[in-house]
All heavy atoms as atom14 arrays in JSON, in Angstrom:
{
  "sequence": "ILLEHGARVLAPQGRLIALTPNPVSLDVISEIFWLDPTHVRP",
  "atom14_mask": [
    [1, 1, 1, 1, 1, 1, 1, 1, 0, 0, 0, 0, 0, 0],
    [1, 1, 1, 1, 1, 1, 1, 1, 0, 0, 0, 0, 0, 0],
    [1, 1, 1, 1, 1, 1, 1, 1, 0, 0, 0, 0, 0, 0],
    [1, 1, 1, 1, 1, 1, 1, 1, 1, 0, 0, 0, 0, 0],
    [1, 1, 1, 1, 1, 1, 1, 1, 1, 1, 0, 0, 0, 0],
    [1, 1, 1, 1, 0, 0, 0, 0, 0, 0, 0, 0, 0, 0],
    [1, 1, 1, 1, 1, 0, 0, 0, 0, 0, 0, 0, 0, 0],
    [1, 1, 1, 1, 1, 1, 1, 1, 1, 1, 1, 0, 0, 0],
    [1, 1, 1, 1, 1, 1, 1, 0, 0, 0, 0, 0, 0, 0],
    [1, 1, 1, 1, 1, 1, 1, 1, 0, 0, 0, 0, 0, 0],
    [1, 1, 1, 1, 1, 0, 0, 0, 0, 0, 0, 0, 0, 0],
    [1, 1, 1, 1, 1, 1, 1, 0, 0, 0, 0, 0, 0, 0],
    [1, 1, 1, 1, 1, 1, 1, 1, 1, 0, 0, 0, 0, 0],
    [1, 1, 1, 1, 0, 0, 0, 0, 0, 0, 0, 0, 0, 0],
    [1, 1, 1, 1, 1, 1, 1, 1, 1, 1, 1, 0, 0, 0],
    [1, 1, 1, 1, 1, 1, 1, 1, 0, 0, 0, 0, 0, 0],
    [1, 1, 1, 1, 1, 1, 1, 1, 0, 0, 0, 0, 0, 0],
    [1, 1, 1, 1, 1, 0, 0, 0, 0, 0, 0, 0, 0, 0],
    [1, 1, 1, 1, 1, 1, 1, 1, 0, 0, 0, 0, 0, 0],
    [1, 1, 1, 1, 1, 1, 1, 0, 0, 0, 0, 0, 0, 0],
    [1, 1, 1, 1, 1, 1, 1, 0, 0, 0, 0, 0, 0, 0],
    [1, 1, 1, 1, 1, 1, 1, 1, 0, 0, 0, 0, 0, 0],
    [1, 1, 1, 1, 1, 1, 1, 0, 0, 0, 0, 0, 0, 0],
    [1, 1, 1, 1, 1, 1, 1, 0, 0, 0, 0, 0, 0, 0],
    [1, 1, 1, 1, 1, 1, 0, 0, 0, 0, 0, 0, 0, 0],
    [1, 1, 1, 1, 1, 1, 1, 1, 0, 0, 0, 0, 0, 0],
    [1, 1, 1, 1, 1, 1, 1, 1, 0, 0, 0, 0, 0, 0],
    [1, 1, 1, 1, 1, 1, 1, 0, 0, 0, 0, 0, 0, 0],
    [1, 1, 1, 1, 1, 1, 1, 1, 0, 0, 0, 0, 0, 0],
    [1, 1, 1, 1, 1, 1, 0, 0, 0, 0, 0, 0, 0, 0],
    [1, 1, 1, 1, 1, 1, 1, 1, 1, 0, 0, 0, 0, 0],
    [1, 1, 1, 1, 1, 1, 1, 1, 0, 0, 0, 0, 0, 0],
    [1, 1, 1, 1, 1, 1, 1, 1, 1, 1, 1, 0, 0, 0],
    [1, 1, 1, 1, 1, 1, 1, 1, 1, 1, 1, 1, 1, 1],
    [1, 1, 1, 1, 1, 1, 1, 1, 0, 0, 0, 0, 0, 0],
    [1, 1, 1, 1, 1, 1, 1, 1, 0, 0, 0, 0, 0, 0],
    [1, 1, 1, 1, 1, 1, 1, 0, 0, 0, 0, 0, 0, 0],
    [1, 1, 1, 1, 1, 1, 1, 0, 0, 0, 0, 0, 0, 0],
    [1, 1, 1, 1, 1, 1, 1, 1, 1, 1, 0, 0, 0, 0],
    [1, 1, 1, 1, 1, 1, 1, 0, 0, 0, 0, 0, 0, 0],
    [1, 1, 1, 1, 1, 1, 1, 1, 1, 1, 1, 0, 0, 0],
    [1, 1, 1, 1, 1, 1, 1, 0, 0, 0, 0, 0, 0, 0]
  ],
  "atom14_positions": [
    [[10.42, 5.26, 3.11], [10.9, 5.36, 4.49], [10.21, 4.31, 5.36], [10.85, 3.63, 6.18], [10.66, 6.78, 5.05], [11.56, 7.78, 4.33], [10.91, 6.82, 6.56], [11.24, 9.23, 4.66], [0.0, 0.0, 0.0], [0.0, 0.0, 0.0], [0.0, 0.0, 0.0], [0.0, 0.0, 0.0], [0.0, 0.0, 0.0], [0.0, 0.0, 0.0]],
    [[8.9, 4.15, 5.18], [8.17, 3.15, 5.96], [8.71, 1.75, 5.7], [8.92, 0.97, 6.64], [6.68, 3.22, 5.64], [5.78, 2.3, 6.46], [4.44, 2.98, 6.75], [5.53, 0.97, 5.76], [0.0, 0.0, 0.0], [0.0, 0.0, 0.0], [0.0, 0.0, 0.0], [0.0, 0.0, 0.0], [0.0, 0.0, 0.0], [0.0, 0.0, 0.0]],
    [[8.95, 1.4, 4.45], [9.43, 0.06, 4.14], [10.86, -0.15, 4.65], [11.2, -1.23, 5.15], [9.36, -0.18, 2.64], [7.94, -0.22, 2.04], [8.0, -0.33, 0.52], [7.13, -1.37, 2.63], [0.0, 0.0, 0.0], [0.0, 0.0, 0.0], [0.0, 0.0, 0.0], [0.0, 0.0, 0.0], [0.0, 0.0, 0.0], [0.0, 0.0, 0.0]],
    [[11.69, 0.88, 4.55], [13.06, 0.76, 5.05], [13.07, 0.55, 6.56], [13.82, -0.29, 7.08], [13.86, 2.01, 4.68], [14.17, 2.1, 3.19], [14.69, 3.46, 2.78], [14.82, 4.35, 3.67], [14.97, 3.66, 1.57], [0.0, 0.0, 0.0], [0.0, 0.0, 0.0], [0.0, 0.0, 0.0], [0.0, 0.0, 0.0], [0.0, 0.0, 0.0]],
    [[12.27, 1.31, 7.27], [12.21, 1.14, 8.72], [11.44, -0.12, 9.09], [11.71, -0.72, 10.14], [11.6, 2.38, 9.38], [12.56, 3.52, 9.5], [13.45, 3.62, 10.54], [12.78, 4.57, 8.69], [14.19, 4.72, 10.37], [13.8, 5.31, 9.26], [0.0, 0.0, 0.0], [0.0, 0.0, 0.0], [0.0, 0.0, 0.0], [0.0, 0.0, 0.0]],
    [[10.51, -0.54, 8.23], [9.88, -1.83, 8.45], [10.9, -2.95, 8.44], [10.86, -3.85, 9.29], [0.0, 0.0, 0.0], [0.0, 0.0, 0.0], [0.0, 0.0, 0.0], [0.0, 0.0, 0.0], [0.0, 0.0, 0.0], [0.0, 0.0, 0.0], [0.0, 0.0, 0.0], [0.0, 0.0, 0.0], [0.0, 0.0, 0.0], [0.0, 0.0, 0.0]],
    [[11.84, -2.89, 7.52], [12.91, -3.88, 7.49], [13.81, -3.75, 8.72], [14.23, -4.75, 9.3], [13.72, -3.74, 6.21], [0.0, 0.0, 0.0], [0.0, 0.0, 0.0], [0.0, 0.0, 0.0], [0.0, 0.0, 0.0], [0.0, 0.0, 0.0], [0.0, 0.0, 0.0], [0.0, 0.0, 0.0], [0.0, 0.0, 0.0], [0.0, 0.0, 0.0]],
    [[14.1, -2.53, 9.1], [15.0, -2.31, 10.24], [14.44, -2.87, 11.55], [15.19, -3.47, 12.35], [15.27, -0.8, 10.4], [16.25, -0.45, 11.5], [16.37, 1.05, 11.67], [15.1, 1.67, 12.06], [14.63, 1.7, 13.31], [15.32, 1.13, 14.3], [13.47, 2.29, 13.57], [0.0, 0.0, 0.0], [0.0, 0.0, 0.0], [0.0, 0.0, 0.0]],
    [[13.14, -2.7, 11.79], [12.57, -3.13, 13.08], [12.27, -4.63, 13.1], [11.96, -5.17, 14.17], [11.29, -2.35, 13.43], [11.56, -0.85, 13.43], [10.13, -2.7, 12.5], [0.0, 0.0, 0.0], [0.0, 0.0, 0.0], [0.0, 0.0, 0.0], [0.0, 0.0, 0.0], [0.0, 0.0, 0.0], [0.0, 0.0, 0.0], [0.0, 0.0, 0.0]],
    [[12.38, -5.3, 11.95], [12.12, -6.73, 11.91], [13.38, -7.52, 12.27], [14.49, -7.16, 11.89], [11.66, -7.15, 10.52], [10.22, -6.84, 10.15], [9.98, -7.12, 8.67], [9.25, -7.65, 11.0], [0.0, 0.0, 0.0], [0.0, 0.0, 0.0], [0.0, 0.0, 0.0], [0.0, 0.0, 0.0], [0.0, 0.0, 0.0], [0.0, 0.0, 0.0]],
    [[13.16, -8.62, 12.96], [14.24, -9.58, 13.19], [14.57, -10.28, 11.88], [13.76, -10.28, 10.94], [13.81, -10.6, 14.24], [0.0, 0.0, 0.0], [0.0, 0.0, 0.0], [0.0, 0.0, 0.0], [0.0, 0.0, 0.0], [0.0, 0.0, 0.0], [0.0, 0.0, 0.0], [0.0, 0.0, 0.0], [0.0, 0.0, 0.0], [0.0, 0.0, 0.0]],
    [[15.75, -10.89, 11.77], [16.05, -11.68, 10.57], [14.95, -12.72, 10.31], [14.44, -13.34, 11.24], [17.38, -12.35, 10.93], [18.02, -11.4, 11.88], [16.89, -10.82, 12.7], [0.0, 0.0, 0.0], [0.0, 0.0, 0.0], [0.0, 0.0, 0.0], [0.0, 0.0, 0.0], [0.0, 0.0, 0.0], [0.0, 0.0, 0.0], [0.0, 0.0, 0.0]],
    [[14.58, -12.86, 9.05], [13.51, -13.74, 8.6], [12.12, -13.2, 8.95], [11.11, -13.9, 8.76], [13.66, -15.17, 9.15], [15.0, -15.81, 8.85], [15.26, -15.91, 7.36], [14.45, -16.45, 6.62], [16.4, -15.38, 6.91], [0.0, 0.0, 0.0], [0.0, 0.0, 0.0], [0.0, 0.0, 0.0], [0.0, 0.0, 0.0], [0.0, 0.0, 0.0]],
    [[12.03, -12.0, 9.47], [10.74, -11.39, 9.74], [9.98, -11.1, 8.46], [10.56, -10.98, 7.38], [0.0, 0.0, 0.0], [0.0, 0.0, 0.0], [0.0, 0.0, 0.0], [0.0, 0.0, 0.0], [0.0, 0.0, 0.0], [0.0, 0.0, 0.0], [0.0, 0.0, 0.0], [0.0, 0.0, 0.0], [0.0, 0.0, 0.0], [0.0, 0.0, 0.0]],
    [[8.67, -10.97, 8.58], [7.8, -10.79, 7.41], [7.16, -9.4, 7.42], [6.77, -8.9, 8.47], [6.67, -11.83, 7.41], [7.14, -13.27, 7.59], [7.94, -13.76, 6.41], [8.49, -15.09, 6.63], [7.86, -16.22, 6.37], [6.62, -16.21, 5.91], [8.47, -17.38, 6.57], [0.0, 0.0, 0.0], [0.0, 0.0, 0.0], [0.0, 0.0, 0.0]],
    [[7.04, -8.83, 6.24], [6.24, -7.63, 6.04], [5.15, -7.96, 5.03], [5.44, -8.46, 3.95], [7.09, -6.46, 5.56], [6.33, -5.12, 5.46], [7.21, -3.96, 5.91], [5.8, -4.86, 4.05], [0.0, 0.0, 0.0], [0.0, 0.0, 0.0], [0.0, 0.0, 0.0], [0.0, 0.0, 0.0], [0.0, 0.0, 0.0], [0.0, 0.0, 0.0]],
    [[3.91, -7.7, 5.41], [2.75, -7.96, 4.56], [2.1, -6.63, 4.23], [1.66, -5.91, 5.14], [1.74, -8.9, 5.26], [2.43, -10.2, 5.67], [0.55, -9.18, 4.37], [2.32, -10.52, 7.13], [0.0, 0.0, 0.0], [0.0, 0.0, 0.0], [0.0, 0.0, 0.0], [0.0, 0.0, 0.0], [0.0, 0.0, 0.0], [0.0, 0.0, 0.0]],
    [[2.06, -6.29, 2.95], [1.48, -5.02, 2.51], [0.28, -5.28, 1.61], [0.36, -6.08, 0.68], [2.54, -4.2, 1.76], [0.0, 0.0, 0.0], [0.0, 0.0, 0.0], [0.0, 0.0, 0.0], [0.0, 0.0, 0.0], [0.0, 0.0, 0.0], [0.0, 0.0, 0.0], [0.0, 0.0, 0.0], [0.0, 0.0, 0.0], [0.0, 0.0, 0.0]],
    [[-0.82, -4.59, 1.91], [-2.05, -4.66, 1.11], [-2.4, -3.26, 0.66], [-2.27, -2.29, 1.43], [-3.2, -5.22, 1.92], [-3.28, -6.71, 2.23], [-2.09, -7.17, 3.07], [-4.56, -7.05, 2.96], [0.0, 0.0, 0.0], [0.0, 0.0, 0.0], [0.0, 0.0, 0.0], [0.0, 0.0, 0.0], [0.0, 0.0, 0.0], [0.0, 0.0, 0.0]],
    [[-2.86, -3.14, -0.59], [-3.17, -1.82, -1.13], [-4.13, -1.99, -2.31], [-4.22, -3.09, -2.89], [-1.87, -1.12, -1.57], [-2.13, 0.25, -1.88], [-1.22, -1.8, -2.76], [0.0, 0.0, 0.0], [0.0, 0.0, 0.0], [0.0, 0.0, 0.0], [0.0, 0.0, 0.0], [0.0, 0.0, 0.0], [0.0, 0.0, 0.0], [0.0, 0.0, 0.0]],
    [[-4.89, -0.97, -2.7], [-5.78, -1.11, -3.84], [-5.03, -1.45, -5.12], [-3.88, -1.04, -5.32], [-6.45, 0.26, -3.93], [-6.39, 0.8, -2.55], [-5.08, 0.31, -2.0], [0.0, 0.0, 0.0], [0.0, 0.0, 0.0], [0.0, 0.0, 0.0], [0.0, 0.0, 0.0], [0.0, 0.0, 0.0], [0.0, 0.0, 0.0], [0.0, 0.0, 0.0]],
    [[-5.68, -2.2, -6.0], [-5.09, -2.65, -7.25], [-5.45, -1.66, -8.37], [-6.57, -1.69, -8.89], [-5.6, -4.05, -7.6], [-5.16, -4.51, -8.97], [-4.16, -4.02, -9.5], [-5.89, -5.44, -9.55], [0.0, 0.0, 0.0], [0.0, 0.0, 0.0], [0.0, 0.0, 0.0], [0.0, 0.0, 0.0], [0.0, 0.0, 0.0], [0.0, 0.0, 0.0]],
    [[-4.52, -0.83, -8.82], [-4.86, 0.17, -9.83], [-5.02, -0.38, -11.24], [-5.45, 0.35, -12.14], [-3.68, 1.15, -9.75], [-2.52, 0.3, -9.31], [-3.12, -0.71, -8.37], [0.0, 0.0, 0.0], [0.0, 0.0, 0.0], [0.0, 0.0, 0.0], [0.0, 0.0, 0.0], [0.0, 0.0, 0.0], [0.0, 0.0, 0.0], [0.0, 0.0, 0.0]],
    [[-4.67, -1.65, -11.46], [-4.9, -2.25, -12.78], [-6.39, -2.38, -13.06], [-6.83, -2.3, -14.2], [-4.2, -3.61, -12.88], [-4.56, -4.33, -14.16], [-2.69, -3.43, -12.79], [0.0, 0.0, 0.0], [0.0, 0.0, 0.0], [0.0, 0.0, 0.0], [0.0, 0.0, 0.0], [0.0, 0.0, 0.0], [0.0, 0.0, 0.0], [0.0, 0.0, 0.0]],
    [[-7.18, -2.54, -12.0], [-8.63, -2.66, -12.15], [-9.25, -1.3, -12.49], [-9.05, -0.32, -11.77], [-9.25, -3.2, -10.86], [-10.66, -3.09, -10.91], [0.0, 0.0, 0.0], [0.0, 0.0, 0.0], [0.0, 0.0, 0.0], [0.0, 0.0, 0.0], [0.0, 0.0, 0.0], [0.0, 0.0, 0.0], [0.0, 0.0, 0.0], [0.0, 0.0, 0.0]],
    [[-10.0, -1.26, -13.58], [-10.65, 0.0, -13.97], [-11.63, 0.48, -12.91], [-11.78, 1.68, -12.7], [-11.35, -0.17, -15.32], [-10.43, -0.35, -16.53], [-11.25, -0.62, -17.78], [-9.54, 0.86, -16.73], [0.0, 0.0, 0.0], [0.0, 0.0, 0.0], [0.0, 0.0, 0.0], [0.0, 0.0, 0.0], [0.0, 0.0, 0.0], [0.0, 0.0, 0.0]],
    [[-12.33, -0.45, -12.27], [-13.24, -0.06, -11.19], [-12.51, 0.7, -10.1], [-13.01, 1.69, -9.56], [-13.89, -1.31, -10.59], [-15.3, -1.54, -11.1], [-15.76, -0.73, -11.94], [-15.94, -2.51, -10.67], [0.0, 0.0, 0.0], [0.0, 0.0, 0.0], [0.0, 0.0, 0.0], [0.0, 0.0, 0.0], [0.0, 0.0, 0.0], [0.0, 0.0, 0.0]],
    [[-11.32, 0.21, -9.75], [-10.55, 0.82, -8.66], [-10.0, 2.17, -9.09], [-10.21, 3.18, -8.4], [-9.41, -0.12, -8.21], [-8.47, 0.58, -7.24], [-9.99, -1.38, -7.58], [0.0, 0.0, 0.0], [0.0, 0.0, 0.0], [0.0, 0.0, 0.0], [0.0, 0.0, 0.0], [0.0, 0.0, 0.0], [0.0, 0.0, 0.0], [0.0, 0.0, 0.0]],
    [[-9.27, 2.21, -10.2], [-8.56, 3.44, -10.55], [-9.48, 4.53, -11.06], [-9.19, 5.72, -10.94], [-7.45, 3.15, -11.58], [-6.42, 4.29, -11.58], [-8.03, 2.9, -12.97], [-5.73, 4.52, -10.26], [0.0, 0.0, 0.0], [0.0, 0.0, 0.0], [0.0, 0.0, 0.0], [0.0, 0.0, 0.0], [0.0, 0.0, 0.0], [0.0, 0.0, 0.0]],
    [[-10.65, 4.16, -11.61], [-11.56, 5.18, -12.14], [-12.46, 5.78, -11.09], [-12.93, 6.91, -11.24], [-12.42, 4.59, -13.27], [-13.29, 3.59, -12.77], [0.0, 0.0, 0.0], [0.0, 0.0, 0.0], [0.0, 0.0, 0.0], [0.0, 0.0, 0.0], [0.0, 0.0, 0.0], [0.0, 0.0, 0.0], [0.0, 0.0, 0.0], [0.0, 0.0, 0.0]],
    [[-12.72, 5.04, -9.98], [-13.64, 5.58, -8.97], [-13.3, 5.17, -7.55], [-13.1, 6.03, -6.68], [-15.07, 5.16, -9.28], [-16.08, 5.69, -8.27], [-17.5, 5.26, -8.58], [-17.7, 4.17, -9.13], [-18.42, 6.03, -8.23], [0.0, 0.0, 0.0], [0.0, 0.0, 0.0], [0.0, 0.0, 0.0], [0.0, 0.0, 0.0], [0.0, 0.0, 0.0]],
    [[-13.24, 3.86, -7.28], [-13.17, 3.39, -5.9], [-11.99, 3.99, -5.15], [-12.13, 4.42, -3.99], [-13.12, 1.85, -5.86], [-14.43, 1.27, -6.39], [-12.86, 1.34, -4.45], [-14.4, -0.24, -6.6], [0.0, 0.0, 0.0], [0.0, 0.0, 0.0], [0.0, 0.0, 0.0], [0.0, 0.0, 0.0], [0.0, 0.0, 0.0], [0.0, 0.0, 0.0]],
    [[-10.83, 4.05, -5.79], [-9.64, 4.59, -5.12], [-9.87, 6.02, -4.64], [-9.41, 6.41, -3.57], [-8.44, 4.55, -6.07], [-7.15, 4.98, -5.44], [-6.36, 4.09, -4.75], [-6.72, 6.31, -5.54], [-5.16, 4.48, -4.17], [-5.53, 6.72, -4.96], [-4.75, 5.8, -4.27], [0.0, 0.0, 0.0], [0.0, 0.0, 0.0], [0.0, 0.0, 0.0]],
    [[-10.59, 6.79, -5.42], [-10.74, 8.22, -5.13], [-11.9, 8.52, -4.19], [-12.13, 9.7, -3.87], [-10.89, 8.97, -6.45], [-9.78, 8.66, -7.39], [-9.84, 7.92, -8.54], [-8.41, 9.03, -7.24], [-8.61, 7.81, -9.12], [-7.71, 8.48, -8.35], [-7.7, 9.78, -6.29], [-6.34, 8.66, -8.51], [-6.35, 9.95, -6.46], [-5.67, 9.39, -7.55]],
    [[-12.62, 7.51, -3.74], [-13.68, 7.75, -2.77], [-13.12, 8.14, -1.41], [-13.82, 8.75, -0.59], [-14.55, 6.5, -2.62], [-15.36, 6.1, -3.86], [-16.13, 4.82, -3.6], [-16.3, 7.23, -4.29], [0.0, 0.0, 0.0], [0.0, 0.0, 0.0], [0.0, 0.0, 0.0], [0.0, 0.0, 0.0], [0.0, 0.0, 0.0], [0.0, 0.0, 0.0]],
    [[-11.87, 7.78, -1.14], [-11.21, 8.17, 0.1], [-10.35, 9.4, -0.2], [-9.32, 9.3, -0.88], [-10.34, 7.03, 0.62], [-9.73, 7.33, 1.99], [-9.65, 8.53, 2.34], [-9.34, 6.38, 2.69], [0.0, 0.0, 0.0], [0.0, 0.0, 0.0], [0.0, 0.0, 0.0], [0.0, 0.0, 0.0], [0.0, 0.0, 0.0], [0.0, 0.0, 0.0]],
    [[-10.74, 10.57, 0.29], [-10.0, 11.79, -0.06], [-8.61, 11.85, 0.54], [-7.83, 12.74, 0.17], [-10.9, 12.92, 0.49], [-11.68, 12.27, 1.58], [-11.91, 10.86, 1.15], [0.0, 0.0, 0.0], [0.0, 0.0, 0.0], [0.0, 0.0, 0.0], [0.0, 0.0, 0.0], [0.0, 0.0, 0.0], [0.0, 0.0, 0.0], [0.0, 0.0, 0.0]],
    [[-8.27, 10.94, 1.44], [-6.92, 10.94, 2.01], [-5.95, 10.08, 1.22], [-4.76, 10.01, 1.56], [-6.95, 10.46, 3.48], [-7.32, 9.07, 3.53], [-7.94, 11.26, 4.3], [0.0, 0.0, 0.0], [0.0, 0.0, 0.0], [0.0, 0.0, 0.0], [0.0, 0.0, 0.0], [0.0, 0.0, 0.0], [0.0, 0.0, 0.0], [0.0, 0.0, 0.0]],
    [[-6.4, 9.41, 0.16], [-5.49, 8.65, -0.7], [-4.59, 9.61, -1.46], [-5.04, 10.61, -2.0], [-6.27, 7.78, -1.68], [-6.83, 6.54, -1.07], [-7.68, 5.68, -1.76], [-6.66, 5.99, 0.16], [-8.0, 4.67, -0.97], [-7.4, 4.83, 0.2], [0.0, 0.0, 0.0], [0.0, 0.0, 0.0], [0.0, 0.0, 0.0], [0.0, 0.0, 0.0]],
    [[-3.3, 9.27, -1.52], [-2.32, 10.1, -2.22], [-2.05, 9.57, -3.62], [-2.11, 10.32, -4.6], [-1.01, 10.16, -1.41], [0.09, 10.89, -2.18], [-1.25, 10.84, -0.06], [0.0, 0.0, 0.0], [0.0, 0.0, 0.0], [0.0, 0.0, 0.0], [0.0, 0.0, 0.0], [0.0, 0.0, 0.0], [0.0, 0.0, 0.0], [0.0, 0.0, 0.0]],
    [[-1.72, 8.27, -3.73], [-1.45, 7.67, -5.03], [-1.51, 6.15, -4.9], [-1.32, 5.6, -3.81], [-0.08, 8.06, -5.57], [1.1, 7.69, -4.69], [2.35, 7.47, -5.54], [2.19, 6.33, -6.42], [2.94, 6.11, -7.51], [3.91, 6.94, -7.81], [2.73, 5.03, -8.25], [0.0, 0.0, 0.0], [0.0, 0.0, 0.0], [0.0, 0.0, 0.0]],
    [[-1.78, 5.45, -6.01], [-1.76, 3.99, -5.97], [-0.34, 3.47, -6.12], [0.56, 4.15, -6.62], [-2.62, 3.6, -7.18], [-2.44, 4.73, -8.14], [-2.26, 5.97, -7.3], [0.0, 0.0, 0.0], [0.0, 0.0, 0.0], [0.0, 0.0, 0.0], [0.0, 0.0, 0.0], [0.0, 0.0, 0.0], [0.0, 0.0, 0.0], [0.0, 0.0, 0.0]]
  ]
}
């Protein structure tokens, strides 16, 4: 829903930049990601 509305509110040729933890990294998926209890999923 966020991405769909992100596209809707953008003018043509507008940019959306998304950053998120990288779950391919064992450091991230085994511990770092879960240090924030509000994380839902990678």
